[in-house]
Amino acid sequence: MNGSSRGAALRLLGLMLGVFLIFEGLGKVPWLFDSAILGARLQEWHGTASPFSRWYLETVAMPGVPVFARMVTLGELLAGAALLFGFWTRLSAGLAALMVLNFHVASGILFTYGYLTNGYGLPVMGGLLALAIGGSRLPLSLSD
């Protein structure tokens, strides 16, 4: 694959993940006004969590619900827009990957077989990491 093809593929990946993150963020807009929605989701996960995920929920996620509910919503919307428009692609994808990883740890799916078959698992993380590593290369600015 030559440089311009690689760049075009990364740009297309950025467009797709940008749209995905924007729609994920739009679904969380109510969290801006009611952080209890996120708190209830974390409580659900706490009941079935592995020891590590339970520790993470109790010490990091649950105490920070009022802040995280707003940060996640705004983070998904802003990272999605940045990826969609090709603005600060590597930084946006890297921060989005960290945000997604936090959800995967909190939900406990990261440590299950389901992570390998869930559409929110490897495809999203793999795409975001690909953009974080090589996302600054746009199709018209690549050199082989």
N, C-alpha and C. Protein backbone atom coordinates (compact mmCIF):
# COMPACT_ATOMS: atom_id res chain seq x y z
N MET A 1 0.86 -1.17 0.00
CA MET A 1 0.00 0.00 0.00
C MET A 1 0.90 1.23 0.00
N ASN A 2 0.70 2.12 -0.98
CA ASN A 2 1.54 3.32 -1.03
C ASN A 2 1.05 4.36 -0.03
N GLY A 3 1.80 5.43 0.09
CA GLY A 3 1.53 6.45 1.09
C GLY A 3 0.16 7.10 0.96
N SER A 4 -0.24 7.40 -0.26
CA SER A 4 -1.54 8.07 -0.42
C SER A 4 -2.69 7.12 -0.12
N SER A 5 -2.53 5.85 -0.43
CA SER A 5 -3.57 4.87 -0.09
C SER A 5 -3.69 4.70 1.41
N ARG A 6 -2.55 4.66 2.09
CA ARG A 6 -2.54 4.56 3.55
C ARG A 6 -3.23 5.77 4.17
N GLY A 7 -2.89 6.93 3.65
CA GLY A 7 -3.49 8.17 4.15
C GLY A 7 -4.99 8.21 3.91
N ALA A 8 -5.41 7.76 2.74
CA ALA A 8 -6.83 7.74 2.42
C ALA A 8 -7.58 6.76 3.33
N ALA A 9 -6.95 5.62 3.61
CA ALA A 9 -7.57 4.64 4.50
C ALA A 9 -7.70 5.20 5.92
N LEU A 10 -6.66 5.89 6.39
CA LEU A 10 -6.73 6.50 7.72
C LEU A 10 -7.78 7.60 7.75
N ARG A 11 -7.88 8.37 6.68
CA ARG A 11 -8.89 9.44 6.64
C ARG A 11 -10.29 8.85 6.68
N LEU A 12 -10.52 7.77 5.93
CA LEU A 12 -11.82 7.10 5.93
C LEU A 12 -12.12 6.53 7.32
N LEU A 13 -11.12 5.94 7.95
CA LEU A 13 -11.28 5.42 9.31
C LEU A 13 -11.64 6.55 10.27
N GLY A 14 -10.98 7.69 10.12
CA GLY A 14 -11.30 8.85 10.96
C GLY A 14 -12.73 9.34 10.76
N LEU A 15 -13.17 9.34 9.52
CA LEU A 15 -14.56 9.74 9.24
C LEU A 15 -15.55 8.79 9.91
N MET A 16 -15.31 7.51 9.76
CA MET A 16 -16.24 6.52 10.33
C MET A 16 -16.25 6.57 11.85
N LEU A 17 -15.08 6.61 12.47
CA LEU A 17 -15.03 6.66 13.93
C LEU A 17 -15.53 8.01 14.45
N GLY A 18 -15.33 9.07 13.67
CA GLY A 18 -15.87 10.37 14.06
C GLY A 18 -17.38 10.35 14.13
N VAL A 19 -18.01 9.79 13.11
CA VAL A 19 -19.47 9.66 13.11
C VAL A 19 -19.92 8.79 14.27
N PHE A 20 -19.24 7.67 14.49
CA PHE A 20 -19.57 6.77 15.60
C PHE A 20 -19.52 7.51 16.93
N LEU A 21 -18.43 8.24 17.19
CA LEU A 21 -18.29 8.94 18.47
C LEU A 21 -19.31 10.06 18.63
N ILE A 22 -19.62 10.76 17.56
CA ILE A 22 -20.63 11.82 17.65
C ILE A 22 -21.98 11.22 18.04
N PHE A 23 -22.36 10.12 17.42
CA PHE A 23 -23.66 9.52 17.77
C PHE A 23 -23.64 8.92 19.17
N GLU A 24 -22.50 8.38 19.60
CA GLU A 24 -22.39 7.92 20.98
C GLU A 24 -22.55 9.10 21.94
N GLY A 25 -21.91 10.22 21.63
CA GLY A 25 -22.02 11.41 22.46
C GLY A 25 -23.42 11.99 22.48
N LEU A 26 -24.09 11.99 21.33
CA LEU A 26 -25.47 12.49 21.29
C LEU A 26 -26.39 11.65 22.17
N GLY A 27 -26.14 10.36 22.22
CA GLY A 27 -26.93 9.48 23.08
C GLY A 27 -26.70 9.75 24.56
N LYS A 28 -25.61 10.44 24.87
CA LYS A 28 -25.29 10.72 26.27
C LYS A 28 -25.57 12.17 26.67
N VAL A 29 -26.17 12.97 25.81
CA VAL A 29 -26.48 14.36 26.13
C VAL A 29 -27.28 14.49 27.43
N PRO A 30 -28.22 13.59 27.72
CA PRO A 30 -28.93 13.70 29.01
C PRO A 30 -27.99 13.62 30.22
N TRP A 31 -26.81 13.01 30.07
CA TRP A 31 -25.85 12.94 31.16
C TRP A 31 -25.35 14.32 31.57
N LEU A 32 -25.41 15.28 30.65
CA LEU A 32 -24.98 16.64 30.98
C LEU A 32 -25.83 17.25 32.08
N PHE A 33 -27.08 16.83 32.13
CA PHE A 33 -28.04 17.41 33.08
C PHE A 33 -28.36 16.48 34.24
N ASP A 34 -28.03 15.20 34.09
CA ASP A 34 -28.34 14.22 35.13
C ASP A 34 -27.26 13.14 35.16
N SER A 35 -26.26 13.34 36.00
CA SER A 35 -25.16 12.38 36.08
C SER A 35 -25.59 11.06 36.73
N ALA A 36 -26.77 11.04 37.34
CA ALA A 36 -27.26 9.81 37.95
C ALA A 36 -27.47 8.70 36.91
N ILE A 37 -27.65 9.09 35.66
CA ILE A 37 -27.82 8.09 34.59
C ILE A 37 -26.54 7.26 34.47
N LEU A 38 -25.40 7.93 34.45
CA LEU A 38 -24.12 7.22 34.43
C LEU A 38 -23.93 6.44 35.72
N GLY A 39 -24.28 7.04 36.85
CA GLY A 39 -24.15 6.36 38.13
C GLY A 39 -24.92 5.06 38.18
N ALA A 40 -26.12 5.06 37.62
CA ALA A 40 -26.93 3.84 37.58
C ALA A 40 -26.27 2.76 36.72
N ARG A 41 -25.69 3.17 35.59
CA ARG A 41 -25.00 2.21 34.72
C ARG A 41 -23.81 1.60 35.45
N LEU A 42 -23.05 2.43 36.15
CA LEU A 42 -21.89 1.92 36.89
C LEU A 42 -22.32 0.98 38.01
N GLN A 43 -23.44 1.29 38.66
CA GLN A 43 -23.97 0.40 39.71
C GLN A 43 -24.33 -0.97 39.13
N GLU A 44 -24.92 -0.98 37.94
CA GLU A 44 -25.25 -2.25 37.26
C GLU A 44 -23.97 -3.05 37.04
N TRP A 45 -22.95 -2.41 36.53
CA TRP A 45 -21.70 -3.10 36.24
C TRP A 45 -21.03 -3.57 37.52
N HIS A 46 -21.19 -2.82 38.59
CA HIS A 46 -20.55 -3.16 39.87
C HIS A 46 -21.03 -4.52 40.37
N GLY A 47 -22.29 -4.82 40.15
CA GLY A 47 -22.86 -6.08 40.63
C GLY A 47 -22.25 -7.32 40.01
N THR A 48 -21.73 -7.20 38.80
CA THR A 48 -21.18 -8.36 38.10
C THR A 48 -19.69 -8.20 37.80
N ALA A 49 -19.06 -7.21 38.38
CA ALA A 49 -17.69 -6.87 38.03
C ALA A 49 -16.67 -7.85 38.58
N SER A 50 -15.58 -8.00 37.84
CA SER A 50 -14.43 -8.75 38.33
C SER A 50 -13.79 -7.95 39.45
N PRO A 51 -12.91 -8.56 40.23
CA PRO A 51 -12.28 -7.80 41.33
C PRO A 51 -11.57 -6.52 40.87
N PHE A 52 -10.86 -6.59 39.74
CA PHE A 52 -10.17 -5.38 39.27
C PHE A 52 -11.17 -4.32 38.83
N SER A 53 -12.18 -4.72 38.08
CA SER A 53 -13.19 -3.76 37.64
C SER A 53 -13.94 -3.18 38.83
N ARG A 54 -14.24 -4.01 39.82
CA ARG A 54 -14.92 -3.52 41.02
C ARG A 54 -14.06 -2.47 41.72
N TRP A 55 -12.76 -2.76 41.86
CA TRP A 55 -11.86 -1.79 42.47
C TRP A 55 -11.87 -0.48 41.68
N TYR A 56 -11.79 -0.57 40.35
CA TYR A 56 -11.78 0.62 39.49
C TYR A 56 -13.08 1.41 39.65
N LEU A 57 -14.19 0.70 39.67
CA LEU A 57 -15.48 1.36 39.84
C LEU A 57 -15.56 2.09 41.19
N GLU A 58 -15.14 1.41 42.24
CA GLU A 58 -15.27 1.96 43.59
C GLU A 58 -14.30 3.11 43.86
N THR A 59 -13.11 3.06 43.30
CA THR A 59 -12.10 4.07 43.64
C THR A 59 -11.96 5.19 42.62
N VAL A 60 -12.34 4.94 41.37
CA VAL A 60 -12.16 5.96 40.34
C VAL A 60 -13.50 6.41 39.74
N ALA A 61 -14.22 5.46 39.16
CA ALA A 61 -15.39 5.83 38.36
C ALA A 61 -16.56 6.36 39.18
N MET A 62 -16.98 5.64 40.19
CA MET A 62 -18.17 6.06 40.95
C MET A 62 -17.97 7.37 41.71
N PRO A 63 -16.83 7.57 42.35
CA PRO A 63 -16.65 8.86 43.02
C PRO A 63 -16.63 10.05 42.04
N GLY A 64 -16.24 9.81 40.81
CA GLY A 64 -16.14 10.89 39.83
C GLY A 64 -17.32 11.04 38.91
N VAL A 65 -18.43 10.36 39.20
CA VAL A 65 -19.58 10.38 38.31
C VAL A 65 -20.02 11.79 37.90
N PRO A 66 -20.16 12.74 38.82
CA PRO A 66 -20.63 14.07 38.39
C PRO A 66 -19.73 14.73 37.34
N VAL A 67 -18.43 14.50 37.44
CA VAL A 67 -17.50 15.08 36.48
C VAL A 67 -17.43 14.22 35.22
N PHE A 68 -17.32 12.90 35.40
CA PHE A 68 -17.17 12.00 34.26
C PHE A 68 -18.38 12.01 33.33
N ALA A 69 -19.57 12.16 33.87
CA ALA A 69 -20.77 12.17 33.03
C ALA A 69 -20.69 13.29 32.00
N ARG A 70 -20.20 14.41 32.42
CA ARG A 70 -20.07 15.55 31.51
C ARG A 70 -18.84 15.41 30.61
N MET A 71 -17.73 14.95 31.18
CA MET A 71 -16.51 14.79 30.39
C MET A 71 -16.67 13.78 29.27
N VAL A 72 -17.34 12.68 29.57
CA VAL A 72 -17.53 11.64 28.54
C VAL A 72 -18.39 12.17 27.40
N THR A 73 -19.49 12.83 27.74
CA THR A 73 -20.37 13.35 26.71
C THR A 73 -19.63 14.36 25.83
N LEU A 74 -19.02 15.34 26.45
CA LEU A 74 -18.30 16.35 25.69
C LEU A 74 -17.09 15.76 24.97
N GLY A 75 -16.40 14.83 25.62
CA GLY A 75 -15.26 14.18 25.00
C GLY A 75 -15.62 13.42 23.74
N GLU A 76 -16.72 12.67 23.80
CA GLU A 76 -17.14 11.92 22.61
C GLU A 76 -17.57 12.86 21.49
N LEU A 77 -18.28 13.92 21.83
CA LEU A 77 -18.72 14.86 20.80
C LEU A 77 -17.53 15.60 20.18
N LEU A 78 -16.62 16.08 21.02
CA LEU A 78 -15.48 16.82 20.51
C LEU A 78 -14.48 15.94 19.76
N ALA A 79 -14.19 14.77 20.31
CA ALA A 79 -13.27 13.84 19.62
C ALA A 79 -13.89 13.39 18.30
N GLY A 80 -15.19 13.12 18.31
CA GLY A 80 -15.86 12.73 17.08
C GLY A 80 -15.79 13.81 16.02
N ALA A 81 -16.03 15.05 16.43
CA ALA A 81 -15.96 16.17 15.47
C ALA A 81 -14.54 16.34 14.96
N ALA A 82 -13.56 16.23 15.84
CA ALA A 82 -12.17 16.36 15.43
C ALA A 82 -11.78 15.28 14.42
N LEU A 83 -12.20 14.05 14.68
CA LEU A 83 -11.89 12.96 13.74
C LEU A 83 -12.64 13.14 12.43
N LEU A 84 -13.87 13.58 12.52
CA LEU A 84 -14.68 13.79 11.32
C LEU A 84 -14.06 14.84 10.41
N PHE A 85 -13.56 15.92 11.00
CA PHE A 85 -13.00 17.01 10.21
C PHE A 85 -11.48 16.92 10.04
N GLY A 86 -10.86 15.88 10.60
CA GLY A 86 -9.42 15.69 10.44
C GLY A 86 -8.58 16.68 11.22
N PHE A 87 -9.08 17.14 12.34
CA PHE A 87 -8.42 18.15 13.16
C PHE A 87 -7.81 17.48 14.38
N TRP A 88 -6.49 17.61 14.56
CA TRP A 88 -5.79 17.01 15.69
C TRP A 88 -6.12 15.52 15.80
N THR A 89 -6.01 14.84 14.71
CA THR A 89 -6.44 13.44 14.62
C THR A 89 -5.74 12.55 15.64
N ARG A 90 -4.43 12.63 15.71
CA ARG A 90 -3.70 11.73 16.61
C ARG A 90 -4.07 11.98 18.07
N LEU A 91 -4.10 13.23 18.47
CA LEU A 91 -4.45 13.56 19.85
C LEU A 91 -5.89 13.16 20.15
N SER A 92 -6.80 13.49 19.26
CA SER A 92 -8.22 13.16 19.47
C SER A 92 -8.43 11.65 19.56
N ALA A 93 -7.80 10.92 18.67
CA ALA A 93 -7.95 9.46 18.67
C ALA A 93 -7.33 8.86 19.93
N GLY A 94 -6.18 9.37 20.34
CA GLY A 94 -5.53 8.86 21.55
C GLY A 94 -6.37 9.10 22.79
N LEU A 95 -6.92 10.30 22.92
CA LEU A 95 -7.77 10.60 24.08
C LEU A 95 -9.07 9.80 24.03
N ALA A 96 -9.63 9.64 22.84
CA ALA A 96 -10.84 8.83 22.71
C ALA A 96 -10.55 7.37 23.07
N ALA A 97 -9.40 6.87 22.68
CA ALA A 97 -9.03 5.48 23.02
C ALA A 97 -8.93 5.32 24.53
N LEU A 98 -8.34 6.29 25.22
CA LEU A 98 -8.27 6.23 26.69
C LEU A 98 -9.67 6.25 27.31
N MET A 99 -10.54 7.07 26.76
CA MET A 99 -11.90 7.15 27.27
C MET A 99 -12.64 5.82 27.06
N VAL A 100 -12.51 5.25 25.89
CA VAL A 100 -13.15 3.97 25.59
C VAL A 100 -12.56 2.88 26.47
N LEU A 101 -11.26 2.89 26.66
CA LEU A 101 -10.61 1.90 27.52
C LEU A 101 -11.16 1.97 28.95
N ASN A 102 -11.40 3.17 29.44
CA ASN A 102 -11.99 3.32 30.77
C ASN A 102 -13.35 2.64 30.87
N PHE A 103 -14.16 2.79 29.84
CA PHE A 103 -15.46 2.12 29.84
C PHE A 103 -15.31 0.61 29.77
N HIS A 104 -14.33 0.15 29.00
CA HIS A 104 -14.12 -1.29 28.89
C HIS A 104 -13.65 -1.88 30.21
N VAL A 105 -12.80 -1.16 30.93
CA VAL A 105 -12.36 -1.64 32.24
C VAL A 105 -13.52 -1.61 33.23
N ALA A 106 -14.25 -0.49 33.26
CA ALA A 106 -15.36 -0.34 34.21
C ALA A 106 -16.45 -1.39 33.98
N SER A 107 -16.76 -1.67 32.73
CA SER A 107 -17.81 -2.65 32.44
C SER A 107 -17.33 -4.07 32.65
N GLY A 108 -16.03 -4.26 32.67
CA GLY A 108 -15.45 -5.58 32.85
C GLY A 108 -15.35 -6.38 31.57
N ILE A 109 -15.79 -5.83 30.45
CA ILE A 109 -15.76 -6.59 29.20
C ILE A 109 -14.34 -6.81 28.70
N LEU A 110 -13.42 -5.94 29.06
CA LEU A 110 -12.05 -6.05 28.60
C LEU A 110 -11.42 -7.39 28.94
N PHE A 111 -11.88 -8.01 30.01
CA PHE A 111 -11.29 -9.24 30.51
C PHE A 111 -12.13 -10.47 30.18
N THR A 112 -12.95 -10.37 29.13
CA THR A 112 -13.82 -11.49 28.77
C THR A 112 -13.66 -11.84 27.29
N TYR A 113 -14.16 -13.01 26.94
CA TYR A 113 -14.19 -13.42 25.54
C TYR A 113 -15.06 -12.47 24.73
N GLY A 114 -16.10 -11.93 25.36
CA GLY A 114 -17.00 -11.01 24.68
C GLY A 114 -16.30 -9.79 24.10
N TYR A 115 -15.18 -9.42 24.69
CA TYR A 115 -14.44 -8.26 24.18
C TYR A 115 -13.96 -8.52 22.76
N LEU A 116 -13.65 -9.76 22.47
CA LEU A 116 -13.15 -10.12 21.15
C LEU A 116 -14.25 -10.17 20.10
N THR A 117 -15.50 -10.32 20.53
CA THR A 117 -16.61 -10.44 19.60
C THR A 117 -17.55 -9.25 19.62
N ASN A 118 -17.35 -8.32 20.55
CA ASN A 118 -18.21 -7.16 20.70
C ASN A 118 -17.75 -6.07 19.72
N GLY A 119 -18.68 -5.48 19.01
CA GLY A 119 -18.35 -4.42 18.05
C GLY A 119 -17.75 -3.18 18.69
N TYR A 120 -17.98 -2.99 19.98
CA TYR A 120 -17.41 -1.85 20.67
C TYR A 120 -16.00 -2.15 21.20
N GLY A 121 -15.58 -3.40 21.08
CA GLY A 121 -14.30 -3.81 21.63
C GLY A 121 -13.15 -3.55 20.68
N LEU A 122 -12.63 -4.61 20.14
CA LEU A 122 -11.43 -4.50 19.29
C LEU A 122 -11.59 -3.60 18.08
N PRO A 123 -12.72 -3.61 17.37
CA PRO A 123 -12.80 -2.72 16.20
C PRO A 123 -12.65 -1.24 16.56
N VAL A 124 -13.30 -0.80 17.62
CA VAL A 124 -13.21 0.60 18.01
C VAL A 124 -11.82 0.91 18.55
N MET A 125 -11.33 0.08 19.47
CA MET A 125 -10.00 0.33 20.03
C MET A 125 -8.92 0.24 18.95
N GLY A 126 -9.01 -0.75 18.09
CA GLY A 126 -8.03 -0.89 17.01
C GLY A 126 -8.04 0.30 16.07
N GLY A 127 -9.22 0.76 15.71
CA GLY A 127 -9.32 1.92 14.82
C GLY A 127 -8.78 3.18 15.47
N LEU A 128 -9.13 3.40 16.73
CA LEU A 128 -8.64 4.59 17.42
C LEU A 128 -7.12 4.54 17.59
N LEU A 129 -6.60 3.37 17.91
CA LEU A 129 -5.15 3.26 18.06
C LEU A 129 -4.43 3.44 16.72
N ALA A 130 -5.02 2.94 15.64
CA ALA A 130 -4.43 3.15 14.31
C ALA A 130 -4.38 4.63 13.97
N LEU A 131 -5.43 5.35 14.32
CA LEU A 131 -5.45 6.79 14.07
C LEU A 131 -4.49 7.54 15.00
N ALA A 132 -4.39 7.08 16.24
CA ALA A 132 -3.50 7.74 17.19
C ALA A 132 -2.04 7.56 16.78
N ILE A 133 -1.72 6.43 16.19
CA ILE A 133 -0.34 6.16 15.79
C ILE A 133 -0.02 6.78 14.44
N GLY A 134 -0.94 6.66 13.48
CA GLY A 134 -0.64 7.14 12.13
C GLY A 134 -1.60 8.15 11.58
N GLY A 135 -2.44 8.72 12.42
CA GLY A 135 -3.52 9.57 11.96
C GLY A 135 -3.15 10.94 11.48
N SER A 136 -1.93 11.39 11.68
CA SER A 136 -1.58 12.74 11.23
C SER A 136 -1.27 12.76 9.74
N ARG A 137 -1.21 11.60 9.15
CA ARG A 137 -0.86 11.50 7.74
C ARG A 137 -2.11 11.59 6.88
N LEU A 138 -2.32 12.72 6.30
CA LEU A 138 -3.47 12.91 5.43
C LEU A 138 -3.08 12.56 3.99
N PRO A 139 -4.04 12.17 3.17
CA PRO A 139 -3.74 11.68 1.83
C PRO A 139 -2.87 12.59 0.98
N LEU A 140 -3.06 13.88 1.04
CA LEU A 140 -2.32 14.77 0.16
C LEU A 140 -0.97 15.19 0.71
N SER A 141 -0.68 14.83 1.95
CA SER A 141 0.59 15.27 2.54
C SER A 141 1.55 14.12 2.79
N LEU A 142 1.25 12.97 2.27
CA LEU A 142 2.11 11.81 2.50
C LEU A 142 3.24 11.73 1.50
N SER A 143 4.35 11.27 1.97
CA SER A 143 5.45 10.95 1.06
C SER A 143 5.90 9.54 1.40
N ASP A 144 6.23 8.76 0.40
CA ASP A 144 6.66 7.37 0.62
C ASP A 144 8.02 7.29 1.20
